[in-house]
Amino acid sequence: VQCVGCHNGTVPPDLRDEFSYDSLLDGYVIPFESDKSILYKSLLGIDGISLMPPGAQWPASKTNLVKAWIDQGAKDN
């Protein structure tokens, strides 16, 4: 919900409900490889990827959920 404020079809990736999964798998998420996924790197602000959301890193509990989802294959569920 928080991310859609900016990623609403004007700033990639498009995270509106009907587009988010396909948009994330179009270069932002590499299934089974969180360490190579832009989405995960952006949540940590590492490897030259800007921190998202800007200025406010998510708690580890939330970033770990994203990491686990990616590392388990980034299923559309």
PDB file of N, CA and C in Angstrom:
ATOM      1  N   VAL A   1       0.841  -1.194   0.000  1.00  0.00           N
ATOM      2  CA  VAL A   1       0.000   0.000   0.000  1.00  0.00           C
ATOM      3  C   VAL A   1       0.883   1.254   0.000  1.00  0.00           C
ATOM      4  N   GLN A   2       1.851   1.284   0.870  1.00  0.00           N
ATOM      5  CA  GLN A   2       2.748   2.429   0.988  1.00  0.00           C
ATOM      6  C   GLN A   2       3.481   2.686  -0.331  1.00  0.00           C
ATOM      7  N   CYS A   3       3.889   1.650  -1.003  1.00  0.00           N
ATOM      8  CA  CYS A   3       4.695   1.776  -2.218  1.00  0.00           C
ATOM      9  C   CYS A   3       3.893   2.321  -3.394  1.00  0.00           C
ATOM     10  N   VAL A   4       2.607   2.023  -3.422  1.00  0.00           N
ATOM     11  CA  VAL A   4       1.760   2.429  -4.540  1.00  0.00           C
ATOM     12  C   VAL A   4       1.578   3.941  -4.588  1.00  0.00           C
ATOM     13  N   GLY A   5       1.869   4.622  -3.509  1.00  0.00           N
ATOM     14  CA  GLY A   5       1.779   6.081  -3.516  1.00  0.00           C
ATOM     15  C   GLY A   5       2.621   6.685  -4.633  1.00  0.00           C
ATOM     16  N   CYS A   6       3.779   6.112  -4.885  1.00  0.00           N
ATOM     17  CA  CYS A   6       4.659   6.588  -5.970  1.00  0.00           C
ATOM     18  C   CYS A   6       4.626   5.656  -7.180  1.00  0.00           C
ATOM     19  N   HIS A   7       4.584   4.350  -6.920  1.00  0.00           N
ATOM     20  CA  HIS A   7       4.642   3.352  -7.995  1.00  0.00           C
ATOM     21  C   HIS A   7       3.221   3.020  -8.452  1.00  0.00           C
ATOM     22  N   ASN A   8       2.559   4.036  -8.997  1.00  0.00           N
ATOM     23  CA  ASN A   8       1.142   3.948  -9.344  1.00  0.00           C
ATOM     24  C   ASN A   8       0.897   3.988 -10.851  1.00  0.00           C
ATOM     25  N   GLY A   9       1.876   3.555 -11.619  1.00  0.00           N
ATOM     26  CA  GLY A   9       1.743   3.566 -13.067  1.00  0.00           C
ATOM     27  C   GLY A   9       2.554   4.658 -13.723  1.00  0.00           C
ATOM     28  N   THR A  10       3.060   5.609 -12.936  1.00  0.00           N
ATOM     29  CA  THR A  10       3.885   6.676 -13.494  1.00  0.00           C
ATOM     30  C   THR A  10       5.365   6.459 -13.205  1.00  0.00           C
ATOM     31  N   VAL A  11       5.678   5.781 -12.099  1.00  0.00           N
ATOM     32  CA  VAL A  11       7.057   5.478 -11.716  1.00  0.00           C
ATOM     33  C   VAL A  11       7.196   3.951 -11.680  1.00  0.00           C
ATOM     34  N   PRO A  12       8.093   3.383 -12.497  1.00  0.00           N
ATOM     35  CA  PRO A  12       8.235   1.925 -12.487  1.00  0.00           C
ATOM     36  C   PRO A  12       8.901   1.429 -11.205  1.00  0.00           C
ATOM     37  N   PRO A  13       8.589   0.218 -10.775  1.00  0.00           N
ATOM     38  CA  PRO A  13       7.587  -0.680 -11.339  1.00  0.00           C
ATOM     39  C   PRO A  13       6.179  -0.259 -10.939  1.00  0.00           C
ATOM     40  N   ASP A  14       5.212  -0.642 -11.757  1.00  0.00           N
ATOM     41  CA  ASP A  14       3.805  -0.340 -11.496  1.00  0.00           C
ATOM     42  C   ASP A  14       3.305  -1.321 -10.440  1.00  0.00           C
ATOM     43  N   LEU A  15       3.041  -0.832  -9.245  1.00  0.00           N
ATOM     44  CA  LEU A  15       2.650  -1.703  -8.141  1.00  0.00           C
ATOM     45  C   LEU A  15       1.158  -1.681  -7.829  1.00  0.00           C
ATOM     46  N   ARG A  16       0.374  -1.165  -8.766  1.00  0.00           N
ATOM     47  CA  ARG A  16      -1.077  -1.286  -8.581  1.00  0.00           C
ATOM     48  C   ARG A  16      -1.436  -2.768  -8.646  1.00  0.00           C
ATOM     49  N   ASP A  17      -2.455  -3.166  -7.880  1.00  0.00           N
ATOM     50  CA  ASP A  17      -2.811  -4.576  -7.721  1.00  0.00           C
ATOM     51  C   ASP A  17      -2.807  -5.370  -9.019  1.00  0.00           C
ATOM     52  N   GLU A  18      -3.445  -4.863 -10.042  1.00  0.00           N
ATOM     53  CA  GLU A  18      -3.608  -5.632 -11.272  1.00  0.00           C
ATOM     54  C   GLU A  18      -2.327  -5.746 -12.099  1.00  0.00           C
ATOM     55  N   PHE A  19      -1.299  -4.976 -11.763  1.00  0.00           N
ATOM     56  CA  PHE A  19      -0.061  -4.969 -12.535  1.00  0.00           C
ATOM     57  C   PHE A  19       1.177  -5.385 -11.732  1.00  0.00           C
ATOM     58  N   SER A  20       1.080  -5.407 -10.426  1.00  0.00           N
ATOM     59  CA  SER A  20       2.276  -5.524  -9.582  1.00  0.00           C
ATOM     60  C   SER A  20       3.097  -6.778  -9.833  1.00  0.00           C
ATOM     61  N   TYR A  21       2.471  -7.942  -9.900  1.00  0.00           N
ATOM     62  CA  TYR A  21       3.253  -9.168 -10.042  1.00  0.00           C
ATOM     63  C   TYR A  21       4.037  -9.176 -11.348  1.00  0.00           C
ATOM     64  N   ASP A  22       3.359  -8.940 -12.459  1.00  0.00           N
ATOM     65  CA  ASP A  22       4.042  -8.942 -13.758  1.00  0.00           C
ATOM     66  C   ASP A  22       5.105  -7.855 -13.820  1.00  0.00           C
ATOM     67  N   SER A  23       4.809  -6.710 -13.237  1.00  0.00           N
ATOM     68  CA  SER A  23       5.757  -5.604 -13.252  1.00  0.00           C
ATOM     69  C   SER A  23       7.017  -5.943 -12.450  1.00  0.00           C
ATOM     70  N   LEU A  24       6.838  -6.576 -11.294  1.00  0.00           N
ATOM     71  CA  LEU A  24       7.991  -6.946 -10.471  1.00  0.00           C
ATOM     72  C   LEU A  24       8.861  -8.005 -11.149  1.00  0.00           C
ATOM     73  N   LEU A  25       8.214  -8.931 -11.861  1.00  0.00           N
ATOM     74  CA  LEU A  25       8.990  -9.982 -12.517  1.00  0.00           C
ATOM     75  C   LEU A  25       9.604  -9.514 -13.824  1.00  0.00           C
ATOM     76  N   ASP A  26       9.356  -8.281 -14.177  1.00  0.00           N
ATOM     77  CA  ASP A  26       9.950  -7.708 -15.390  1.00  0.00           C
ATOM     78  C   ASP A  26      11.236  -6.960 -15.028  1.00  0.00           C
ATOM     79  N   GLY A  27      12.157  -7.680 -14.366  1.00  0.00           N
ATOM     80  CA  GLY A  27      13.474  -7.128 -14.076  1.00  0.00           C
ATOM     81  C   GLY A  27      13.729  -6.700 -12.640  1.00  0.00           C
ATOM     82  N   TYR A  28      12.716  -6.668 -11.809  1.00  0.00           N
ATOM     83  CA  TYR A  28      12.894  -6.215 -10.427  1.00  0.00           C
ATOM     84  C   TYR A  28      13.068  -7.369  -9.448  1.00  0.00           C
ATOM     85  N   VAL A  29      12.551  -8.531  -9.812  1.00  0.00           N
ATOM     86  CA  VAL A  29      12.652  -9.716  -8.969  1.00  0.00           C
ATOM     87  C   VAL A  29      13.172 -10.869  -9.817  1.00  0.00           C
ATOM     88  N   ILE A  30      14.182 -11.553  -9.305  1.00  0.00           N
ATOM     89  CA  ILE A  30      14.704 -12.760  -9.935  1.00  0.00           C
ATOM     90  C   ILE A  30      14.343 -13.907  -8.999  1.00  0.00           C
ATOM     91  N   PRO A  31      13.343 -14.726  -9.382  1.00  0.00           N
ATOM     92  CA  PRO A  31      12.919 -15.810  -8.495  1.00  0.00           C
ATOM     93  C   PRO A  31      14.101 -16.654  -8.027  1.00  0.00           C
ATOM     94  N   PHE A  32      14.059 -16.989  -6.741  1.00  0.00           N
ATOM     95  CA  PHE A  32      15.070 -17.797  -6.050  1.00  0.00           C
ATOM     96  C   PHE A  32      16.372 -17.046  -5.794  1.00  0.00           C
ATOM     97  N   GLU A  33      16.469 -15.770  -6.178  1.00  0.00           N
ATOM     98  CA  GLU A  33      17.731 -15.047  -6.023  1.00  0.00           C
ATOM     99  C   GLU A  33      17.504 -13.627  -5.478  1.00  0.00           C
ATOM    100  N   SER A  34      17.191 -13.557  -4.190  1.00  0.00           N
ATOM    101  CA  SER A  34      16.952 -12.241  -3.588  1.00  0.00           C
ATOM    102  C   SER A  34      18.184 -11.352  -3.673  1.00  0.00           C
ATOM    103  N   ASP A  35      19.373 -11.959  -3.548  1.00  0.00           N
ATOM    104  CA  ASP A  35      20.604 -11.172  -3.558  1.00  0.00           C
ATOM    105  C   ASP A  35      20.868 -10.503  -4.910  1.00  0.00           C
ATOM    106  N   LYS A  36      20.178 -10.934  -5.955  1.00  0.00           N
ATOM    107  CA  LYS A  36      20.322 -10.325  -7.275  1.00  0.00           C
ATOM    108  C   LYS A  36      19.088  -9.507  -7.675  1.00  0.00           C
ATOM    109  N   SER A  37      18.085  -9.449  -6.818  1.00  0.00           N
ATOM    110  CA  SER A  37      16.819  -8.790  -7.128  1.00  0.00           C
ATOM    111  C   SER A  37      16.821  -7.327  -6.713  1.00  0.00           C
ATOM    112  N   ILE A  38      16.477  -6.474  -7.659  1.00  0.00           N
ATOM    113  CA  ILE A  38      16.426  -5.034  -7.400  1.00  0.00           C
ATOM    114  C   ILE A  38      15.441  -4.719  -6.280  1.00  0.00           C
ATOM    115  N   LEU A  39      14.317  -5.401  -6.244  1.00  0.00           N
ATOM    116  CA  LEU A  39      13.327  -5.136  -5.191  1.00  0.00           C
ATOM    117  C   LEU A  39      13.957  -5.305  -3.813  1.00  0.00           C
ATOM    118  N   TYR A  40      14.615  -6.417  -3.575  1.00  0.00           N
ATOM    119  CA  TYR A  40      15.215  -6.662  -2.262  1.00  0.00           C
ATOM    120  C   TYR A  40      16.339  -5.675  -1.974  1.00  0.00           C
ATOM    121  N   LYS A  41      17.186  -5.426  -2.957  1.00  0.00           N
ATOM    122  CA  LYS A  41      18.279  -4.471  -2.766  1.00  0.00           C
ATOM    123  C   LYS A  41      17.746  -3.078  -2.453  1.00  0.00           C
ATOM    124  N   SER A  42      16.626  -2.705  -3.054  1.00  0.00           N
ATOM    125  CA  SER A  42      16.065  -1.371  -2.804  1.00  0.00           C
ATOM    126  C   SER A  42      15.534  -1.247  -1.382  1.00  0.00           C
ATOM    127  N   LEU A  43      15.055  -2.329  -0.818  1.00  0.00           N
ATOM    128  CA  LEU A  43      14.566  -2.280   0.563  1.00  0.00           C
ATOM    129  C   LEU A  43      15.697  -2.106   1.564  1.00  0.00           C
ATOM    130  N   LEU A  44      16.910  -2.470   1.143  1.00  0.00           N
ATOM    131  CA  LEU A  44      18.086  -2.311   1.993  1.00  0.00           C
ATOM    132  C   LEU A  44      18.937  -1.110   1.601  1.00  0.00           C
ATOM    133  N   GLY A  45      18.735  -0.605   0.391  1.00  0.00           N
ATOM    134  CA  GLY A  45      19.536   0.513  -0.102  1.00  0.00           C
ATOM    135  C   GLY A  45      20.984   0.103  -0.330  1.00  0.00           C
ATOM    136  N   ILE A  46      21.192  -1.061  -0.976  1.00  0.00           N
ATOM    137  CA  ILE A  46      22.552  -1.587  -1.177  1.00  0.00           C
ATOM    138  C   ILE A  46      22.885  -1.715  -2.657  1.00  0.00           C
ATOM    139  N   ASP A  47      24.167  -1.924  -2.934  1.00  0.00           N
ATOM    140  CA  ASP A  47      24.674  -2.167  -4.292  1.00  0.00           C
ATOM    141  C   ASP A  47      24.293  -1.057  -5.273  1.00  0.00           C
ATOM    142  N   GLY A  48      24.274   0.171  -4.785  1.00  0.00           N
ATOM    143  CA  GLY A  48      23.979   1.306  -5.656  1.00  0.00           C
ATOM    144  C   GLY A  48      22.508   1.498  -5.973  1.00  0.00           C
ATOM    145  N   ILE A  49      21.643   0.721  -5.332  1.00  0.00           N
ATOM    146  CA  ILE A  49      20.192   0.838  -5.538  1.00  0.00           C
ATOM    147  C   ILE A  49      19.641   1.761  -4.450  1.00  0.00           C
ATOM    148  N   SER A  50      18.871   2.751  -4.856  1.00  0.00           N
ATOM    149  CA  SER A  50      18.307   3.710  -3.903  1.00  0.00           C
ATOM    150  C   SER A  50      17.382   3.026  -2.907  1.00  0.00           C
ATOM    151  N   LEU A  51      17.452   3.487  -1.661  1.00  0.00           N
ATOM    152  CA  LEU A  51      16.595   2.964  -0.603  1.00  0.00           C
ATOM    153  C   LEU A  51      15.138   3.278  -0.910  1.00  0.00           C
ATOM    154  N   MET A  52      14.308   2.250  -0.788  1.00  0.00           N
ATOM    155  CA  MET A  52      12.866   2.407  -0.919  1.00  0.00           C
ATOM    156  C   MET A  52      12.219   1.813   0.320  1.00  0.00           C
ATOM    157  N   PRO A  53      11.262   2.489   0.876  1.00  0.00           N
ATOM    158  CA  PRO A  53      10.849   3.851   0.562  1.00  0.00           C
ATOM    159  C   PRO A  53      11.948   4.839   0.947  1.00  0.00           C
ATOM    160  N   PRO A  54      12.010   5.944   0.235  1.00  0.00           N
ATOM    161  CA  PRO A  54      13.071   6.930   0.489  1.00  0.00           C
ATOM    162  C   PRO A  54      13.085   7.405   1.938  1.00  0.00           C
ATOM    163  N   GLY A  55      14.253   7.324   2.546  1.00  0.00           N
ATOM    164  CA  GLY A  55      14.437   7.882   3.881  1.00  0.00           C
ATOM    165  C   GLY A  55      13.895   7.079   5.036  1.00  0.00           C
ATOM    166  N   ALA A  56      13.331   5.912   4.783  1.00  0.00           N
ATOM    167  CA  ALA A  56      12.733   5.154   5.882  1.00  0.00           C
ATOM    168  C   ALA A  56      12.831   3.661   5.609  1.00  0.00           C
ATOM    169  N   GLN A  57      13.931   3.042   6.051  1.00  0.00           N
ATOM    170  CA  GLN A  57      14.109   1.615   5.815  1.00  0.00           C
ATOM    171  C   GLN A  57      13.070   0.816   6.582  1.00  0.00           C
ATOM    172  N   TRP A  58      12.526  -0.179   5.921  1.00  0.00           N
ATOM    173  CA  TRP A  58      11.568  -1.079   6.558  1.00  0.00           C
ATOM    174  C   TRP A  58      12.250  -1.857   7.673  1.00  0.00           C
ATOM    175  N   PRO A  59      11.473  -2.321   8.660  1.00  0.00           N
ATOM    176  CA  PRO A  59      12.050  -3.180   9.693  1.00  0.00           C
ATOM    177  C   PRO A  59      12.480  -4.519   9.074  1.00  0.00           C
ATOM    178  N   ALA A  60      13.447  -5.156   9.693  1.00  0.00           N
ATOM    179  CA  ALA A  60      13.967  -6.427   9.190  1.00  0.00           C
ATOM    180  C   ALA A  60      12.867  -7.471   9.013  1.00  0.00           C
ATOM    181  N   SER A  61      11.866  -7.442   9.862  1.00  0.00           N
ATOM    182  CA  SER A  61      10.785  -8.429   9.753  1.00  0.00           C
ATOM    183  C   SER A  61      10.089  -8.339   8.393  1.00  0.00           C
ATOM    184  N   LYS A  62       9.902  -7.142   7.879  1.00  0.00           N
ATOM    185  CA  LYS A  62       9.257  -6.966   6.575  1.00  0.00           C
ATOM    186  C   LYS A  62      10.208  -7.289   5.423  1.00  0.00           C
ATOM    187  N   THR A  63      11.448  -6.842   5.504  1.00  0.00           N
ATOM    188  CA  THR A  63      12.389  -7.147   4.419  1.00  0.00           C
ATOM    189  C   THR A  63      12.682  -8.643   4.372  1.00  0.00           C
ATOM    190  N   ASN A  64      12.691  -9.308   5.521  1.00  0.00           N
ATOM    191  CA  ASN A  64      12.905 -10.753   5.547  1.00  0.00           C
ATOM    192  C   ASN A  64      11.759 -11.502   4.883  1.00  0.00           C
ATOM    193  N   LEU A  65      10.541 -10.987   4.992  1.00  0.00           N
ATOM    194  CA  LEU A  65       9.402 -11.604   4.297  1.00  0.00           C
ATOM    195  C   LEU A  65       9.573 -11.503   2.790  1.00  0.00           C
ATOM    196  N   VAL A  66      10.006 -10.354   2.310  1.00  0.00           N
ATOM    197  CA  VAL A  66      10.241 -10.169   0.877  1.00  0.00           C
ATOM    198  C   VAL A  66      11.362 -11.089   0.416  1.00  0.00           C
ATOM    199  N   LYS A  67      12.430 -11.153   1.199  1.00  0.00           N
ATOM    200  CA  LYS A  67      13.558 -12.034   0.873  1.00  0.00           C
ATOM    201  C   LYS A  67      13.091 -13.484   0.777  1.00  0.00           C
ATOM    202  N   ALA A  68      12.336 -13.930   1.746  1.00  0.00           N
ATOM    203  CA  ALA A  68      11.845 -15.311   1.764  1.00  0.00           C
ATOM    204  C   ALA A  68      10.945 -15.578   0.557  1.00  0.00           C
ATOM    205  N   TRP A  69      10.052 -14.641   0.232  1.00  0.00           N
ATOM    206  CA  TRP A  69       9.166 -14.797  -0.927  1.00  0.00           C
ATOM    207  C   TRP A  69       9.985 -14.974  -2.206  1.00  0.00           C
ATOM    208  N   ILE A  70      10.984 -14.138  -2.390  1.00  0.00           N
ATOM    209  CA  ILE A  70      11.832 -14.242  -3.585  1.00  0.00           C
ATOM    210  C   ILE A  70      12.594 -15.557  -3.590  1.00  0.00           C
ATOM    211  N   ASP A  71      13.231 -15.892  -2.477  1.00  0.00           N
ATOM    212  CA  ASP A  71      14.060 -17.093  -2.396  1.00  0.00           C
ATOM    213  C   ASP A  71      13.245 -18.386  -2.523  1.00  0.00           C
ATOM    214  N   GLN A  72      11.934 -18.299  -2.285  1.00  0.00           N
ATOM    215  CA  GLN A  72      11.064 -19.467  -2.447  1.00  0.00           C
ATOM    216  C   GLN A  72      10.439 -19.501  -3.842  1.00  0.00           C
ATOM    217  N   GLY A  73      10.886 -18.646  -4.731  1.00  0.00           N
ATOM    218  CA  GLY A  73      10.431 -18.708  -6.115  1.00  0.00           C
ATOM    219  C   GLY A  73       9.545 -17.562  -6.564  1.00  0.00           C
ATOM    220  N   ALA A  74       9.278 -16.597  -5.686  1.00  0.00           N
ATOM    221  CA  ALA A  74       8.457 -15.423  -6.034  1.00  0.00           C
ATOM    222  C   ALA A  74       7.143 -15.839  -6.686  1.00  0.00           C
ATOM    223  N   LYS A  75       6.433 -16.725  -6.008  1.00  0.00           N
ATOM    224  CA  LYS A  75       5.176 -17.246  -6.548  1.00  0.00           C
ATOM    225  C   LYS A  75       4.086 -16.182  -6.522  1.00  0.00           C
ATOM    226  N   ASP A  76       3.182 -16.258  -7.478  1.00  0.00           N
ATOM    227  CA  ASP A  76       2.036 -15.351  -7.566  1.00  0.00           C
ATOM    228  C   ASP A  76       0.912 -15.927  -6.702  1.00  0.00           C
ATOM    229  N   ASN A  77       1.038 -15.666  -5.386  1.00  0.00           N
ATOM    230  CA  ASN A  77       0.028 -16.244  -4.490  1.00  0.00           C
ATOM    231  C   ASN A  77      -0.488 -15.245  -3.500  1.00  0.00           C
TER     232      ASN A  77
END
